[in-house]
Amino acid sequence: MRRRILIFMLALFALGSIGLYQRWTKEGDKIEDLPLELIVPENSSPKEEKADFILPEGVRIRERFKLPEGYSRIPVLENSFEAYLRNLPLKPHGSLVQYYDGTLKQRSNVYDAVVDMDVGERDLQQCADAIMRLRAEYLYGQGRHKEILFHLTNGFPVDYQNWKNGYRIALDGNRTYWVKKQNLRNPIRISENTWTWFLLMQAPYPCQKSLNL
């Protein structure tokens, strides 16, 4: 009897989900046809309340958002990763989020600011990839190249030090290893192109799981 009730409830949930999907996708009521400012949930907070915490003239995260009354920011070291995140540059207030291919994100009510950072032309930065990118950019800017290292899901370490010296990842069944692909006569000179390619090549492989390795 309990099994029948459970199956019935699951069926009702499935039908409700389909109905909700059709509500948003039926002809003449497609979400992509709505103006960006109208795509907001009914229970979203009024723009007036949100505006109380935003300083449109702020060009960095720490400058764009005011603190609630009675709160203060936790002190951080000047060159720490925390300080780097607080000082990420932002696009002008009101800017819309663009995907890697230039298309606009439809729901404009799920973010309050846009970080001014190039994400490239491939769909690579998702979930864990975003924080990996920020961490890598921070270490690169600090000149701490030997610390730039991420793990593949099988535990294999992918470090920028090997990459800039001409080594590339090779796979042989379940075996992962480095192979010398380029003879760099001047490996001390690190070009932006080398750095960009490292980010592009390592991005698809690490994930949330590999962050714990």
N, C-alpha and C. Protein backbone atom coordinates (compact mmCIF):
# COMPACT_ATOMS: atom_id res chain seq x y z
N MET A 1 0.84 -1.21 0.00
CA MET A 1 0.00 0.00 0.00
C MET A 1 0.87 1.26 0.00
N ARG A 2 1.90 1.26 0.87
CA ARG A 2 2.79 2.42 0.93
C ARG A 2 3.50 2.63 -0.40
N ARG A 3 3.86 1.51 -1.03
CA ARG A 3 4.54 1.62 -2.33
C ARG A 3 3.65 2.27 -3.37
N ARG A 4 2.34 1.90 -3.37
CA ARG A 4 1.41 2.50 -4.33
C ARG A 4 1.26 4.00 -4.08
N ILE A 5 1.19 4.38 -2.80
CA ILE A 5 1.06 5.80 -2.47
C ILE A 5 2.28 6.57 -2.94
N LEU A 6 3.48 5.98 -2.74
CA LEU A 6 4.72 6.64 -3.15
C LEU A 6 4.75 6.82 -4.66
N ILE A 7 4.37 5.77 -5.40
CA ILE A 7 4.35 5.86 -6.86
C ILE A 7 3.37 6.93 -7.31
N PHE A 8 2.20 6.99 -6.67
CA PHE A 8 1.19 7.99 -7.02
C PHE A 8 1.71 9.40 -6.78
N MET A 9 2.40 9.60 -5.64
CA MET A 9 2.94 10.93 -5.33
C MET A 9 4.02 11.33 -6.32
N LEU A 10 4.86 10.38 -6.73
CA LEU A 10 5.90 10.66 -7.72
C LEU A 10 5.27 11.04 -9.06
N ALA A 11 4.19 10.36 -9.41
CA ALA A 11 3.50 10.67 -10.66
C ALA A 11 2.93 12.08 -10.63
N LEU A 12 2.32 12.45 -9.50
CA LEU A 12 1.79 13.81 -9.36
C LEU A 12 2.90 14.84 -9.47
N PHE A 13 4.04 14.57 -8.85
CA PHE A 13 5.17 15.50 -8.90
C PHE A 13 5.65 15.66 -10.33
N ALA A 14 5.73 14.55 -11.08
CA ALA A 14 6.18 14.61 -12.47
C ALA A 14 5.23 15.43 -13.32
N LEU A 15 3.91 15.20 -13.13
CA LEU A 15 2.92 15.96 -13.89
C LEU A 15 2.99 17.44 -13.56
N GLY A 16 3.19 17.75 -12.27
CA GLY A 16 3.30 19.15 -11.87
C GLY A 16 4.51 19.82 -12.47
N SER A 17 5.62 19.07 -12.54
CA SER A 17 6.85 19.62 -13.12
C SER A 17 6.66 19.90 -14.59
N ILE A 18 6.00 18.97 -15.30
CA ILE A 18 5.74 19.17 -16.72
C ILE A 18 4.86 20.39 -16.93
N GLY A 19 3.83 20.51 -16.08
CA GLY A 19 2.93 21.66 -16.20
C GLY A 19 3.64 22.97 -15.98
N LEU A 20 4.54 22.99 -15.00
CA LEU A 20 5.30 24.21 -14.72
C LEU A 20 6.21 24.54 -15.89
N TYR A 21 6.85 23.51 -16.47
CA TYR A 21 7.73 23.74 -17.62
C TYR A 21 6.93 24.30 -18.79
N GLN A 22 5.73 23.71 -19.04
CA GLN A 22 4.90 24.18 -20.14
C GLN A 22 4.42 25.60 -19.91
N ARG A 23 4.22 25.95 -18.64
CA ARG A 23 3.78 27.31 -18.32
C ARG A 23 4.80 28.34 -18.82
N TRP A 24 6.09 27.97 -18.71
CA TRP A 24 7.14 28.92 -19.11
C TRP A 24 7.49 28.81 -20.58
N THR A 25 7.13 27.69 -21.23
CA THR A 25 7.57 27.49 -22.60
C THR A 25 6.45 27.47 -23.63
N LYS A 26 5.20 27.64 -23.21
CA LYS A 26 4.13 27.63 -24.19
C LYS A 26 4.24 28.83 -25.12
N GLU A 27 3.67 28.70 -26.29
CA GLU A 27 3.75 29.73 -27.31
C GLU A 27 3.25 31.07 -26.79
N GLY A 28 4.04 32.11 -26.98
CA GLY A 28 3.66 33.45 -26.56
C GLY A 28 4.06 33.77 -25.13
N ASP A 29 4.60 32.76 -24.42
CA ASP A 29 4.98 33.00 -23.03
C ASP A 29 6.36 32.43 -22.74
N LYS A 30 7.22 32.42 -23.74
CA LYS A 30 8.57 31.89 -23.56
C LYS A 30 9.41 32.85 -22.75
N ILE A 31 10.18 32.29 -21.84
CA ILE A 31 10.96 33.13 -20.95
C ILE A 31 11.99 33.95 -21.70
N GLU A 32 12.51 33.40 -22.83
CA GLU A 32 13.52 34.15 -23.57
C GLU A 32 12.93 35.36 -24.29
N ASP A 33 11.60 35.41 -24.40
CA ASP A 33 10.96 36.53 -25.07
C ASP A 33 10.66 37.68 -24.10
N LEU A 34 10.81 37.44 -22.81
CA LEU A 34 10.49 38.46 -21.82
C LEU A 34 11.65 39.42 -21.65
N PRO A 35 11.37 40.68 -21.38
CA PRO A 35 12.46 41.62 -21.06
C PRO A 35 13.22 41.13 -19.84
N LEU A 36 14.52 41.38 -19.80
CA LEU A 36 15.35 40.90 -18.70
C LEU A 36 14.85 41.36 -17.35
N GLU A 37 14.36 42.61 -17.28
CA GLU A 37 13.94 43.13 -15.99
C GLU A 37 12.65 42.49 -15.49
N LEU A 38 11.93 41.76 -16.36
CA LEU A 38 10.68 41.14 -15.95
C LEU A 38 10.86 39.70 -15.50
N ILE A 39 12.02 39.12 -15.77
CA ILE A 39 12.25 37.73 -15.40
C ILE A 39 12.71 37.67 -13.96
N VAL A 40 11.77 37.81 -13.05
CA VAL A 40 12.08 37.78 -11.61
C VAL A 40 11.02 36.95 -10.92
N PRO A 41 11.40 36.21 -9.89
CA PRO A 41 10.41 35.42 -9.15
C PRO A 41 9.50 36.32 -8.34
N GLU A 42 8.30 35.80 -8.01
CA GLU A 42 7.32 36.59 -7.28
C GLU A 42 7.79 36.96 -5.88
N ASN A 43 8.61 36.10 -5.27
CA ASN A 43 9.04 36.34 -3.90
C ASN A 43 10.38 37.06 -3.82
N SER A 44 10.85 37.65 -4.95
CA SER A 44 12.13 38.36 -4.92
C SER A 44 11.99 39.66 -4.14
N SER A 45 13.09 40.09 -3.52
CA SER A 45 13.05 41.31 -2.73
C SER A 45 12.96 42.52 -3.64
N PRO A 46 12.30 43.59 -3.21
CA PRO A 46 12.18 44.80 -4.02
C PRO A 46 13.54 45.38 -4.36
N LYS A 47 13.63 46.00 -5.53
CA LYS A 47 14.90 46.59 -5.95
C LYS A 47 15.33 47.70 -5.00
N GLU A 48 14.34 48.35 -4.36
CA GLU A 48 14.69 49.43 -3.46
C GLU A 48 15.52 48.91 -2.28
N GLU A 49 15.14 47.74 -1.74
CA GLU A 49 15.87 47.18 -0.61
C GLU A 49 17.28 46.78 -1.03
N LYS A 50 17.42 46.19 -2.20
CA LYS A 50 18.73 45.77 -2.68
C LYS A 50 19.61 46.98 -2.95
N ALA A 51 19.02 48.04 -3.46
CA ALA A 51 19.79 49.24 -3.80
C ALA A 51 20.42 49.88 -2.57
N ASP A 52 19.85 49.63 -1.39
CA ASP A 52 20.41 50.22 -0.17
C ASP A 52 21.81 49.71 0.13
N PHE A 53 22.18 48.58 -0.44
CA PHE A 53 23.49 47.99 -0.16
C PHE A 53 24.46 48.11 -1.33
N ILE A 54 24.06 48.77 -2.39
CA ILE A 54 24.90 48.87 -3.58
C ILE A 54 25.38 50.30 -3.80
N LEU A 55 26.66 50.43 -4.06
CA LEU A 55 27.27 51.72 -4.41
C LEU A 55 27.63 51.65 -5.89
N PRO A 56 26.80 52.20 -6.78
CA PRO A 56 27.02 52.07 -8.22
C PRO A 56 28.39 52.53 -8.68
N GLU A 57 28.99 53.48 -7.97
CA GLU A 57 30.29 54.02 -8.41
C GLU A 57 31.45 53.10 -8.05
N GLY A 58 31.24 52.09 -7.23
CA GLY A 58 32.31 51.18 -6.84
C GLY A 58 32.83 50.38 -8.02
N VAL A 59 34.15 50.29 -8.14
CA VAL A 59 34.75 49.58 -9.28
C VAL A 59 35.33 48.23 -8.86
N ARG A 60 35.33 47.93 -7.58
CA ARG A 60 35.79 46.65 -7.07
C ARG A 60 34.76 46.09 -6.10
N ILE A 61 34.82 44.80 -5.83
CA ILE A 61 33.81 44.16 -4.98
C ILE A 61 33.68 44.86 -3.64
N ARG A 62 34.78 45.15 -2.99
CA ARG A 62 34.73 45.77 -1.67
C ARG A 62 34.18 47.19 -1.72
N GLU A 63 34.24 47.83 -2.88
CA GLU A 63 33.76 49.20 -3.03
C GLU A 63 32.31 49.25 -3.50
N ARG A 64 31.81 48.17 -4.08
CA ARG A 64 30.46 48.17 -4.66
C ARG A 64 29.38 47.90 -3.63
N PHE A 65 29.71 47.16 -2.58
CA PHE A 65 28.67 46.73 -1.64
C PHE A 65 28.91 47.30 -0.24
N LYS A 66 27.88 47.96 0.28
CA LYS A 66 27.94 48.49 1.65
C LYS A 66 27.66 47.37 2.65
N LEU A 67 28.17 47.56 3.85
CA LEU A 67 27.92 46.59 4.91
C LEU A 67 26.60 46.88 5.61
N PRO A 68 25.89 45.84 6.04
CA PRO A 68 24.68 46.08 6.83
C PRO A 68 25.04 46.80 8.13
N GLU A 69 24.09 47.50 8.67
CA GLU A 69 24.34 48.25 9.90
C GLU A 69 24.78 47.32 11.03
N GLY A 70 25.85 47.69 11.70
CA GLY A 70 26.35 46.90 12.81
C GLY A 70 27.37 45.85 12.43
N TYR A 71 27.70 45.76 11.13
CA TYR A 71 28.66 44.77 10.66
C TYR A 71 29.96 45.44 10.25
N SER A 72 31.04 44.68 10.26
CA SER A 72 32.34 45.16 9.79
C SER A 72 33.05 44.03 9.06
N ARG A 73 33.91 44.38 8.13
CA ARG A 73 34.65 43.37 7.39
C ARG A 73 35.78 42.78 8.23
N ILE A 74 35.98 41.49 8.08
CA ILE A 74 37.07 40.82 8.79
C ILE A 74 38.39 41.27 8.18
N PRO A 75 39.34 41.70 8.98
CA PRO A 75 40.64 42.12 8.45
C PRO A 75 41.35 40.96 7.76
N VAL A 76 41.98 41.24 6.62
CA VAL A 76 42.74 40.22 5.90
C VAL A 76 44.11 40.79 5.54
N LEU A 77 45.07 39.92 5.30
CA LEU A 77 46.41 40.36 4.92
C LEU A 77 46.37 41.02 3.55
N GLU A 78 47.24 41.98 3.34
CA GLU A 78 47.22 42.80 2.13
C GLU A 78 47.33 41.98 0.85
N ASN A 79 48.23 41.01 0.80
CA ASN A 79 48.45 40.24 -0.42
C ASN A 79 47.85 38.84 -0.36
N SER A 80 46.86 38.65 0.49
CA SER A 80 46.23 37.34 0.64
C SER A 80 45.22 37.08 -0.47
N PHE A 81 44.81 35.81 -0.60
CA PHE A 81 43.80 35.44 -1.58
C PHE A 81 42.48 36.13 -1.26
N GLU A 82 42.19 36.28 0.04
CA GLU A 82 40.95 36.97 0.44
C GLU A 82 40.95 38.42 -0.04
N ALA A 83 42.10 39.07 0.09
CA ALA A 83 42.21 40.46 -0.37
C ALA A 83 42.07 40.54 -1.88
N TYR A 84 42.63 39.55 -2.58
CA TYR A 84 42.51 39.50 -4.04
C TYR A 84 41.04 39.42 -4.46
N LEU A 85 40.27 38.55 -3.80
CA LEU A 85 38.86 38.40 -4.15
C LEU A 85 38.08 39.68 -3.87
N ARG A 86 38.36 40.34 -2.76
CA ARG A 86 37.65 41.58 -2.43
C ARG A 86 37.95 42.69 -3.43
N ASN A 87 39.10 42.59 -4.08
CA ASN A 87 39.51 43.65 -4.99
C ASN A 87 39.34 43.28 -6.46
N LEU A 88 38.57 42.25 -6.73
CA LEU A 88 38.31 41.90 -8.13
C LEU A 88 37.63 43.07 -8.83
N PRO A 89 38.09 43.42 -10.03
CA PRO A 89 37.49 44.54 -10.76
C PRO A 89 36.10 44.18 -11.28
N LEU A 90 35.21 45.14 -11.24
CA LEU A 90 33.83 44.92 -11.69
C LEU A 90 33.52 45.77 -12.91
N LYS A 91 32.64 45.26 -13.74
CA LYS A 91 32.13 46.06 -14.85
C LYS A 91 31.18 47.11 -14.28
N PRO A 92 30.88 48.17 -15.03
CA PRO A 92 29.99 49.22 -14.53
C PRO A 92 28.67 48.67 -14.01
N HIS A 93 28.14 49.30 -12.99
CA HIS A 93 26.88 48.87 -12.39
C HIS A 93 25.79 48.80 -13.45
N GLY A 94 25.05 47.71 -13.45
CA GLY A 94 23.99 47.52 -14.43
C GLY A 94 24.40 46.68 -15.61
N SER A 95 25.69 46.32 -15.69
CA SER A 95 26.16 45.48 -16.80
C SER A 95 25.50 44.11 -16.73
N LEU A 96 25.28 43.51 -17.89
CA LEU A 96 24.65 42.20 -17.97
C LEU A 96 25.71 41.11 -18.13
N VAL A 97 25.41 39.94 -17.59
CA VAL A 97 26.32 38.80 -17.70
C VAL A 97 26.27 38.23 -19.12
N GLN A 98 27.44 37.98 -19.67
CA GLN A 98 27.54 37.35 -20.99
C GLN A 98 28.18 35.97 -20.85
N TYR A 99 27.66 35.02 -21.62
CA TYR A 99 28.28 33.70 -21.66
C TYR A 99 29.53 33.76 -22.53
N TYR A 100 30.25 32.64 -22.57
CA TYR A 100 31.50 32.58 -23.33
C TYR A 100 31.30 32.90 -24.81
N ASP A 101 30.10 32.63 -25.34
CA ASP A 101 29.84 32.87 -26.76
C ASP A 101 29.23 34.25 -27.02
N GLY A 102 29.14 35.08 -25.99
CA GLY A 102 28.63 36.43 -26.17
C GLY A 102 27.14 36.59 -25.92
N THR A 103 26.40 35.50 -25.79
CA THR A 103 24.97 35.61 -25.52
C THR A 103 24.74 36.07 -24.09
N LEU A 104 23.63 36.77 -23.87
CA LEU A 104 23.33 37.32 -22.55
C LEU A 104 22.61 36.30 -21.68
N LYS A 105 22.94 36.30 -20.41
CA LYS A 105 22.22 35.47 -19.44
C LYS A 105 20.84 36.06 -19.24
N GLN A 106 19.81 35.23 -19.39
CA GLN A 106 18.45 35.73 -19.37
C GLN A 106 18.02 36.26 -18.00
N ARG A 107 18.32 35.52 -16.96
CA ARG A 107 17.88 35.94 -15.63
C ARG A 107 18.86 36.96 -15.04
N SER A 108 18.43 38.18 -15.00
CA SER A 108 19.30 39.25 -14.48
C SER A 108 19.10 39.48 -12.99
N ASN A 109 18.22 38.70 -12.36
CA ASN A 109 17.94 38.91 -10.93
C ASN A 109 18.76 38.00 -10.03
N VAL A 110 19.67 37.23 -10.59
CA VAL A 110 20.44 36.28 -9.78
C VAL A 110 21.87 36.77 -9.53
N TYR A 111 22.17 37.98 -9.93
CA TYR A 111 23.49 38.55 -9.66
C TYR A 111 23.35 40.06 -9.46
N ASP A 112 24.28 40.64 -8.73
CA ASP A 112 24.26 42.07 -8.45
C ASP A 112 25.45 42.80 -9.04
N ALA A 113 26.41 42.07 -9.57
CA ALA A 113 27.59 42.69 -10.18
C ALA A 113 28.24 41.69 -11.12
N VAL A 114 29.05 42.20 -12.04
CA VAL A 114 29.72 41.35 -13.03
C VAL A 114 31.23 41.57 -12.92
N VAL A 115 31.97 40.51 -12.65
CA VAL A 115 33.43 40.61 -12.57
C VAL A 115 33.99 40.86 -13.97
N ASP A 116 34.90 41.80 -14.07
CA ASP A 116 35.50 42.16 -15.36
C ASP A 116 36.67 41.22 -15.64
N MET A 117 36.35 40.04 -16.18
CA MET A 117 37.37 39.04 -16.46
C MET A 117 36.99 38.26 -17.71
N ASP A 118 37.95 38.08 -18.60
CA ASP A 118 37.72 37.35 -19.84
C ASP A 118 37.60 35.86 -19.54
N VAL A 119 36.53 35.22 -20.01
CA VAL A 119 36.35 33.79 -19.77
C VAL A 119 36.69 32.95 -20.99
N GLY A 120 37.23 33.59 -22.03
CA GLY A 120 37.61 32.85 -23.22
C GLY A 120 36.44 32.58 -24.13
N GLU A 121 36.66 31.74 -25.14
CA GLU A 121 35.64 31.47 -26.16
C GLU A 121 35.14 30.03 -26.11
N ARG A 122 35.44 29.32 -25.01
CA ARG A 122 34.97 27.94 -24.86
C ARG A 122 34.25 27.80 -23.52
N ASP A 123 33.28 26.87 -23.48
CA ASP A 123 32.47 26.67 -22.29
C ASP A 123 33.23 25.78 -21.30
N LEU A 124 34.20 26.38 -20.60
CA LEU A 124 35.10 25.60 -19.74
C LEU A 124 34.95 25.92 -18.26
N GLN A 125 34.55 27.11 -17.92
CA GLN A 125 34.54 27.52 -16.52
C GLN A 125 33.16 27.34 -15.91
N GLN A 126 32.99 26.23 -15.23
CA GLN A 126 31.73 25.92 -14.58
C GLN A 126 32.02 25.40 -13.17
N CYS A 127 31.20 25.78 -12.24
CA CYS A 127 31.30 25.28 -10.86
C CYS A 127 32.70 25.45 -10.30
N ALA A 128 33.39 24.32 -10.05
CA ALA A 128 34.72 24.37 -9.43
C ALA A 128 35.74 25.08 -10.32
N ASP A 129 35.53 25.05 -11.63
CA ASP A 129 36.49 25.68 -12.55
C ASP A 129 36.64 27.17 -12.26
N ALA A 130 35.56 27.80 -11.81
CA ALA A 130 35.61 29.25 -11.57
C ALA A 130 36.56 29.58 -10.42
N ILE A 131 36.46 28.86 -9.31
CA ILE A 131 37.34 29.15 -8.17
C ILE A 131 38.77 28.74 -8.48
N MET A 132 38.94 27.67 -9.28
CA MET A 132 40.29 27.28 -9.70
C MET A 132 40.92 28.38 -10.54
N ARG A 133 40.14 28.97 -11.42
CA ARG A 133 40.64 30.06 -12.27
C ARG A 133 41.07 31.24 -11.40
N LEU A 134 40.23 31.61 -10.44
CA LEU A 134 40.56 32.74 -9.57
C LEU A 134 41.81 32.45 -8.74
N ARG A 135 41.91 31.24 -8.22
CA ARG A 135 43.08 30.88 -7.42
C ARG A 135 44.35 30.90 -8.28
N ALA A 136 44.24 30.38 -9.50
CA ALA A 136 45.39 30.36 -10.40
C ALA A 136 45.82 31.77 -10.79
N GLU A 137 44.85 32.64 -11.08
CA GLU A 137 45.18 34.02 -11.45
C GLU A 137 45.84 34.75 -10.28
N TYR A 138 45.37 34.47 -9.08
CA TYR A 138 45.96 35.10 -7.89
C TYR A 138 47.42 34.69 -7.74
N LEU A 139 47.70 33.39 -7.80
CA LEU A 139 49.07 32.91 -7.64
C LEU A 139 49.97 33.39 -8.77
N TYR A 140 49.43 33.44 -9.98
CA TYR A 140 50.20 33.90 -11.14
C TYR A 140 50.58 35.37 -10.96
N GLY A 141 49.62 36.17 -10.52
CA GLY A 141 49.89 37.59 -10.31
C GLY A 141 50.88 37.85 -9.19
N GLN A 142 50.95 36.93 -8.23
CA GLN A 142 51.89 37.04 -7.12
C GLN A 142 53.27 36.51 -7.48
N GLY A 143 53.40 35.94 -8.68
CA GLY A 143 54.67 35.35 -9.07
C GLY A 143 54.94 34.01 -8.40
N ARG A 144 53.93 33.40 -7.82
CA ARG A 144 54.08 32.12 -7.11
C ARG A 144 53.74 30.96 -8.05
N HIS A 145 54.48 30.88 -9.16
CA HIS A 145 54.17 29.93 -10.22
C HIS A 145 54.31 28.48 -9.77
N LYS A 146 55.22 28.19 -8.86
CA LYS A 146 55.43 26.82 -8.41
C LYS A 146 54.25 26.30 -7.60
N GLU A 147 53.40 27.18 -7.12
CA GLU A 147 52.25 26.76 -6.31
C GLU A 147 51.01 26.53 -7.15
N ILE A 148 51.08 26.84 -8.44
CA ILE A 148 49.92 26.66 -9.32
C ILE A 148 49.83 25.19 -9.70
N LEU A 149 48.95 24.47 -9.05
CA LEU A 149 48.83 23.03 -9.24
C LEU A 149 47.40 22.60 -8.96
N PHE A 150 46.87 21.79 -9.87
CA PHE A 150 45.54 21.21 -9.70
C PHE A 150 45.63 19.72 -9.96
N HIS A 151 44.67 18.98 -9.46
CA HIS A 151 44.67 17.53 -9.64
C HIS A 151 43.58 17.10 -10.62
N LEU A 152 43.89 16.11 -11.43
CA LEU A 152 42.86 15.47 -12.22
C LEU A 152 42.03 14.59 -11.29
N THR A 153 40.92 14.08 -11.78
CA THR A 153 40.05 13.27 -10.92
C THR A 153 40.72 11.96 -10.51
N ASN A 154 41.76 11.53 -11.25
CA ASN A 154 42.48 10.32 -10.88
C ASN A 154 43.62 10.60 -9.90
N GLY A 155 43.76 11.87 -9.49
CA GLY A 155 44.78 12.23 -8.53
C GLY A 155 46.07 12.76 -9.14
N PHE A 156 46.20 12.72 -10.46
CA PHE A 156 47.44 13.17 -11.12
C PHE A 156 47.58 14.68 -10.99
N PRO A 157 48.73 15.17 -10.48
CA PRO A 157 48.92 16.62 -10.32
C PRO A 157 49.31 17.31 -11.62
N VAL A 158 48.60 18.37 -11.95
CA VAL A 158 48.90 19.17 -13.14
C VAL A 158 49.41 20.52 -12.66
N ASP A 159 50.69 20.78 -12.85
CA ASP A 159 51.28 22.02 -12.34
C ASP A 159 51.78 22.89 -13.48
N TYR A 160 51.74 24.18 -13.26
CA TYR A 160 52.16 25.15 -14.28
C TYR A 160 53.66 25.11 -14.51
N GLN A 161 54.43 24.74 -13.51
CA GLN A 161 55.87 24.70 -13.64
C GLN A 161 56.29 23.72 -14.74
N ASN A 162 55.71 22.53 -14.77
CA ASN A 162 55.99 21.57 -15.83
C ASN A 162 55.50 22.07 -17.17
N TRP A 163 54.29 22.68 -17.15
CA TRP A 163 53.69 23.14 -18.39
C TRP A 163 54.54 24.21 -19.07
N LYS A 164 55.00 25.19 -18.33
CA LYS A 164 55.76 26.29 -18.93
C LYS A 164 57.13 25.82 -19.42
N ASN A 165 57.61 24.68 -18.89
CA ASN A 165 58.88 24.13 -19.33
C ASN A 165 58.74 23.18 -20.51
N GLY A 166 57.54 23.13 -21.10
CA GLY A 166 57.35 22.37 -22.33
C GLY A 166 56.77 20.99 -22.18
N TYR A 167 56.39 20.60 -20.97
CA TYR A 167 55.81 19.27 -20.76
C TYR A 167 54.30 19.32 -20.97
N ARG A 168 53.76 18.21 -21.50
CA ARG A 168 52.33 18.11 -21.73
C ARG A 168 51.83 16.78 -21.19
N ILE A 169 50.54 16.72 -20.89
CA ILE A 169 49.95 15.52 -20.31
C ILE A 169 49.71 14.46 -21.38
N ALA A 170 50.05 13.21 -21.06
CA ALA A 170 49.80 12.09 -21.96
C ALA A 170 49.01 11.02 -21.22
N LEU A 171 48.18 10.30 -21.95
CA LEU A 171 47.36 9.25 -21.37
C LEU A 171 47.63 7.93 -22.07
N ASP A 172 47.76 6.87 -21.29
CA ASP A 172 47.95 5.52 -21.83
C ASP A 172 47.11 4.58 -20.98
N GLY A 173 45.88 4.36 -21.42
CA GLY A 173 44.95 3.59 -20.61
C GLY A 173 44.62 4.35 -19.34
N ASN A 174 44.88 3.74 -18.20
CA ASN A 174 44.65 4.40 -16.92
C ASN A 174 45.87 5.16 -16.42
N ARG A 175 46.93 5.16 -17.21
CA ARG A 175 48.17 5.82 -16.80
C ARG A 175 48.22 7.24 -17.33
N THR A 176 48.57 8.18 -16.46
CA THR A 176 48.73 9.58 -16.83
C THR A 176 50.15 10.00 -16.51
N TYR A 177 50.80 10.70 -17.46
CA TYR A 177 52.19 11.09 -17.23
C TYR A 177 52.53 12.32 -18.07
N TRP A 178 53.68 12.93 -17.75
CA TRP A 178 54.17 14.09 -18.48
C TRP A 178 55.07 13.66 -19.64
N VAL A 179 54.98 14.37 -20.76
CA VAL A 179 55.83 14.12 -21.91
C VAL A 179 56.40 15.45 -22.38
N LYS A 180 57.71 15.48 -22.64
CA LYS A 180 58.35 16.70 -23.13
C LYS A 180 57.93 16.92 -24.58
N LYS A 181 57.19 18.00 -24.82
CA LYS A 181 56.68 18.29 -26.16
C LYS A 181 57.36 19.47 -26.81
N GLN A 182 57.85 20.41 -26.01
CA GLN A 182 58.44 21.63 -26.55
C GLN A 182 59.80 21.87 -25.91
N ASN A 183 60.76 22.26 -26.73
CA ASN A 183 62.08 22.63 -26.23
C ASN A 183 62.14 24.14 -26.09
N LEU A 184 61.95 24.61 -24.89
CA LEU A 184 61.94 26.04 -24.64
C LEU A 184 63.35 26.50 -24.25
N ARG A 185 64.00 27.25 -25.12
CA ARG A 185 65.35 27.70 -24.84
C ARG A 185 65.40 28.74 -23.72
N ASN A 186 64.30 29.43 -23.55
CA ASN A 186 64.27 30.46 -22.51
C ASN A 186 63.04 30.26 -21.63
N PRO A 187 63.01 29.17 -20.83
CA PRO A 187 61.82 28.87 -20.01
C PRO A 187 61.57 29.89 -18.92
N ILE A 188 62.57 30.74 -18.61
CA ILE A 188 62.39 31.74 -17.56
C ILE A 188 61.37 32.79 -17.99
N ARG A 189 61.34 33.06 -19.30
CA ARG A 189 60.41 34.06 -19.82
C ARG A 189 59.03 33.41 -19.97
N ILE A 190 58.07 33.88 -19.19
CA ILE A 190 56.72 33.31 -19.21
C ILE A 190 55.80 34.22 -20.00
N SER A 191 55.30 33.75 -21.11
CA SER A 191 54.44 34.58 -21.94
C SER A 191 52.99 34.44 -21.52
N GLU A 192 52.19 35.46 -21.80
CA GLU A 192 50.76 35.40 -21.51
C GLU A 192 50.11 34.29 -22.32
N ASN A 193 50.63 34.02 -23.52
CA ASN A 193 50.06 32.97 -24.36
C ASN A 193 50.22 31.60 -23.69
N THR A 194 51.41 31.35 -23.11
CA THR A 194 51.65 30.09 -22.41
C THR A 194 50.69 29.93 -21.24
N TRP A 195 50.49 31.01 -20.50
CA TRP A 195 49.59 30.98 -19.35
C TRP A 195 48.15 30.72 -19.78
N THR A 196 47.72 31.38 -20.83
CA THR A 196 46.36 31.20 -21.32
C THR A 196 46.12 29.76 -21.74
N TRP A 197 47.07 29.18 -22.44
CA TRP A 197 46.90 27.80 -22.90
C TRP A 197 46.89 26.82 -21.74
N PHE A 198 47.65 27.12 -20.69
CA PHE A 198 47.62 26.26 -19.50
C PHE A 198 46.22 26.26 -18.90
N LEU A 199 45.62 27.44 -18.78
CA LEU A 199 44.27 27.55 -18.22
C LEU A 199 43.26 26.80 -19.09
N LEU A 200 43.40 26.92 -20.40
CA LEU A 200 42.46 26.27 -21.31
C LEU A 200 42.58 24.75 -21.26
N MET A 201 43.80 24.26 -21.16
CA MET A 201 44.02 22.82 -21.22
C MET A 201 43.67 22.11 -19.92
N GLN A 202 43.89 22.76 -18.78
CA GLN A 202 43.61 22.08 -17.51
C GLN A 202 42.16 22.23 -17.07
N ALA A 203 41.45 23.22 -17.62
CA ALA A 203 40.10 23.52 -17.15
C ALA A 203 39.11 22.36 -17.26
N PRO A 204 39.09 21.57 -18.36
CA PRO A 204 38.05 20.54 -18.47
C PRO A 204 38.22 19.36 -17.52
N TYR A 205 39.39 19.16 -16.95
CA TYR A 205 39.68 17.92 -16.25
C TYR A 205 39.45 17.95 -14.74
N PRO A 206 39.94 18.95 -14.01
CA PRO A 206 39.61 18.99 -12.57
C PRO A 206 38.12 19.28 -12.36
N CYS A 207 37.61 18.92 -11.18
CA CYS A 207 36.21 19.18 -10.87
C CYS A 207 36.08 19.30 -9.35
N GLN A 208 34.82 19.36 -8.87
CA GLN A 208 34.61 19.48 -7.43
C GLN A 208 35.29 18.34 -6.67
N LYS A 209 35.22 17.14 -7.23
CA LYS A 209 35.80 15.97 -6.58
C LYS A 209 37.30 16.12 -6.42
N SER A 210 37.97 16.64 -7.45
CA SER A 210 39.43 16.72 -7.41
C SER A 210 39.92 17.84 -6.50
N LEU A 211 39.05 18.74 -6.06
CA LEU A 211 39.47 19.80 -5.15
C LEU A 211 39.91 19.23 -3.80
N ASN A 212 39.43 18.05 -3.46
CA ASN A 212 39.78 17.43 -2.19
C ASN A 212 41.06 16.62 -2.25
N LEU A 213 41.67 16.51 -3.44
CA LEU A 213 42.87 15.68 -3.60
C LEU A 213 44.11 16.46 -3.23
